C-alpha atoms as a PDB file:
ATOM      1  CA  MET A   1      17.019  25.262 -15.388  1.00  0.00           C
ATOM      2  CA  LYS A   2      13.315  23.361 -14.258  1.00  0.00           C
ATOM      3  CA  LEU A   3      13.825  21.179 -10.582  1.00  0.00           C
ATOM      4  CA  CYS A   4      12.224  17.506 -10.280  1.00  0.00           C
ATOM      5  CA  GLU A   5       9.267  17.514  -8.876  1.00  0.00           C
ATOM      6  CA  CYS A   6       9.361  14.995  -6.843  1.00  0.00           C
ATOM      7  CA  GLY A   7      11.039  17.002  -4.674  1.00  0.00           C
ATOM      8  CA  CYS A   8      14.397  15.399  -4.028  1.00  0.00           C
ATOM      9  CA  GLY A   9      15.141  19.020  -5.175  1.00  0.00           C
ATOM     10  CA  GLN A  10      18.169  18.237  -7.522  1.00  0.00           C
ATOM     11  CA  GLU A  11      17.552  20.005 -11.579  1.00  0.00           C
ATOM     12  CA  VAL A  12      15.941  17.878 -14.109  1.00  0.00           C
ATOM     13  CA  SER A  13      18.299  17.756 -17.632  1.00  0.00           C
ATOM     14  CA  LYS A  14      15.884  19.035 -19.813  1.00  0.00           C
ATOM     15  CA  ASN A  15      13.009  20.882 -19.114  1.00  0.00           C
ATOM     16  CA  ASN A  16       9.707  19.291 -20.860  1.00  0.00           C
ATOM     17  CA  ASN A  17      11.123  16.507 -18.210  1.00  0.00           C
ATOM     18  CA  LYS A  18       9.146  16.752 -15.188  1.00  0.00           C
ATOM     19  CA  TYR A  19      11.482  13.957 -12.777  1.00  0.00           C
ATOM     20  CA  LEU A  20      14.883  12.509 -13.237  1.00  0.00           C
ATOM     21  CA  HIS A  21      15.210   8.865 -14.839  1.00  0.00           C
ATOM     22  CA  GLY A  22      14.060   6.819 -11.977  1.00  0.00           C
ATOM     23  CA  HIS A  23      12.363   9.217 -10.091  1.00  0.00           C
ATOM     24  CA  ASN A  24       8.918   8.315 -10.622  1.00  0.00           C
ATOM     25  CA  SER A  25       8.446   4.466  -9.441  1.00  0.00           C
ATOM     26  CA  LYS A  26       8.208   3.025  -6.538  1.00  0.00           C
ATOM     27  CA  GLY A  27       9.590   5.437  -4.330  1.00  0.00           C
ATOM     28  CA  LYS A  28      13.920   3.992  -4.320  1.00  0.00           C
ATOM     29  CA  HIS A  29      15.663   8.031  -3.902  1.00  0.00           C
ATOM     30  CA  LEU A  30      12.493   8.648  -0.698  1.00  0.00           C
ATOM     31  CA  SER A  31      14.490   9.358   2.640  1.00  0.00           C
ATOM     32  CA  GLU A  32      12.429   6.875   4.987  1.00  0.00           C
ATOM     33  CA  GLU A  33      11.686   9.966   6.880  1.00  0.00           C
ATOM     34  CA  HIS A  34       9.142  10.481   4.060  1.00  0.00           C
ATOM     35  CA  LYS A  35       8.007   6.932   3.136  1.00  0.00           C
ATOM     36  CA  ASN A  36       6.724   6.896   7.486  1.00  0.00           C
ATOM     37  CA  LYS A  37       4.822   9.909   6.535  1.00  0.00           C
ATOM     38  CA  ILE A  38       3.708   9.266   3.610  1.00  0.00           C
ATOM     39  CA  SER A  39       1.983   5.396   4.742  1.00  0.00           C
ATOM     40  CA  GLU A  40       1.424   7.511   8.520  1.00  0.00           C
ATOM     41  CA  SER A  41      -0.953  10.123   5.324  1.00  0.00           C
ATOM     42  CA  LYS A  42      -2.565   6.249   4.307  1.00  0.00           C
ATOM     43  CA  LYS A  43      -3.802   5.121   7.074  1.00  0.00           C
ATOM     44  CA  ASN A  44      -6.958   4.586   8.197  1.00  0.00           C
ATOM     45  CA  LYS A  45      -8.321   6.316   4.585  1.00  0.00           C
ATOM     46  CA  CYS A  46     -12.309   5.352   4.505  1.00  0.00           C
ATOM     47  CA  PHE A  47     -13.245   4.456   0.685  1.00  0.00           C
ATOM     48  CA  SER A  48     -16.654   4.548  -0.816  1.00  0.00           C
ATOM     49  CA  GLU A  49     -19.044   1.840  -1.561  1.00  0.00           C
ATOM     50  CA  LYS A  50     -18.303   1.979  -5.003  1.00  0.00           C
ATOM     51  CA  HIS A  51     -14.001   1.939  -4.579  1.00  0.00           C
ATOM     52  CA  LYS A  52     -14.636  -0.833  -2.934  1.00  0.00           C
ATOM     53  CA  LYS A  53     -16.677  -3.002  -5.357  1.00  0.00           C
ATOM     54  CA  LYS A  54     -14.441  -2.014  -7.994  1.00  0.00           C
ATOM     55  CA  ILE A  55     -11.116  -3.703  -6.354  1.00  0.00           C
ATOM     56  CA  SER A  56     -12.714  -6.238  -5.063  1.00  0.00           C
ATOM     57  CA  GLU A  57     -13.584  -6.707  -8.407  1.00  0.00           C
ATOM     58  CA  SER A  58      -9.700  -6.412  -9.624  1.00  0.00           C
ATOM     59  CA  LYS A  59      -8.682  -9.069  -7.722  1.00  0.00           C
ATOM     60  CA  LYS A  60     -11.061 -11.540  -7.567  1.00  0.00           C
ATOM     61  CA  GLY A  61     -10.050 -15.114  -9.645  1.00  0.00           C
ATOM     62  CA  LYS A  62      -6.789 -14.003  -9.242  1.00  0.00           C
ATOM     63  CA  LYS A  63      -4.935 -17.410  -8.160  1.00  0.00           C
ATOM     64  CA  LEU A  64      -1.790 -16.501  -5.584  1.00  0.00           C
ATOM     65  CA  SER A  65       1.435 -18.778  -5.520  1.00  0.00           C
ATOM     66  CA  GLU A  66       1.819 -20.945  -2.520  1.00  0.00           C
ATOM     67  CA  GLU A  67       4.815 -18.809  -2.366  1.00  0.00           C
ATOM     68  CA  HIS A  68       3.082 -15.722  -1.291  1.00  0.00           C
ATOM     69  CA  LYS A  69       0.036 -18.032   0.077  1.00  0.00           C
ATOM     70  CA  LYS A  70       3.339 -18.759   3.317  1.00  0.00           C
ATOM     71  CA  LYS A  71       4.632 -15.583   3.079  1.00  0.00           C
ATOM     72  CA  ILE A  72       0.890 -14.284   4.116  1.00  0.00           C
ATOM     73  CA  SER A  73       0.445 -16.720   6.976  1.00  0.00           C
ATOM     74  CA  ASN A  74       4.085 -16.181   8.512  1.00  0.00           C
ATOM     75  CA  GLY A  75       3.802 -12.432   9.010  1.00  0.00           C
ATOM     76  CA  ARG A  76      -0.020 -13.601  10.181  1.00  0.00           C
ATOM     77  CA  LYS A  77       1.639 -15.911  12.578  1.00  0.00           C
ATOM     78  CA  GLY A  78       1.492 -14.271  16.634  1.00  0.00           C
ATOM     79  CA  ILE A  79      -1.221 -12.283  16.079  1.00  0.00           C
ATOM     80  CA  ILE A  80      -3.037 -11.881  19.446  1.00  0.00           C
ATOM     81  CA  PHE A  81      -6.880 -11.260  18.500  1.00  0.00           C
ATOM     82  CA  SER A  82      -8.822  -9.882  22.208  1.00  0.00           C
ATOM     83  CA  GLU A  83     -11.559 -11.454  23.058  1.00  0.00           C
ATOM     84  CA  GLU A  84     -14.177  -8.975  21.720  1.00  0.00           C
ATOM     85  CA  HIS A  85     -12.560  -9.565  18.434  1.00  0.00           C
ATOM     86  CA  LYS A  86     -12.534 -13.104  18.469  1.00  0.00           C
ATOM     87  CA  LYS A  87     -16.493 -13.142  19.281  1.00  0.00           C
ATOM     88  CA  LYS A  88     -17.099 -10.815  15.631  1.00  0.00           C
ATOM     89  CA  ILE A  89     -15.011 -13.449  14.038  1.00  0.00           C
ATOM     90  CA  SER A  90     -17.455 -16.216  15.495  1.00  0.00           C
ATOM     91  CA  GLU A  91     -20.771 -14.543  15.319  1.00  0.00           C
ATOM     92  CA  SER A  92     -19.728 -13.736  11.842  1.00  0.00           C
ATOM     93  CA  LYS A  93     -18.876 -17.144  10.829  1.00  0.00           C
ATOM     94  CA  LYS A  94     -22.435 -19.055  12.121  1.00  0.00           C
ATOM     95  CA  LYS A  95     -24.573 -16.880   9.991  1.00  0.00           C
END
């Protein structure tokens, strides 16, 4: 039999299937170690200007719910910026 392509090592029920049911979505079957590896590999990725523009365009005009705004706000509370960073923010706001 053919093994699930997610890497779990289990056999798929049919030869033409790539994954077991649910193994291709949202990483529910992944171990914490594997999730951390994926997370680390995605950090510090550089996107091309073209890709950045596409992402920006796709997010324009979308409204956030009040609940979502509150969650973002709570997540950013307590962040301490260095003096250098504060200066950069200040300069960018003056233009």
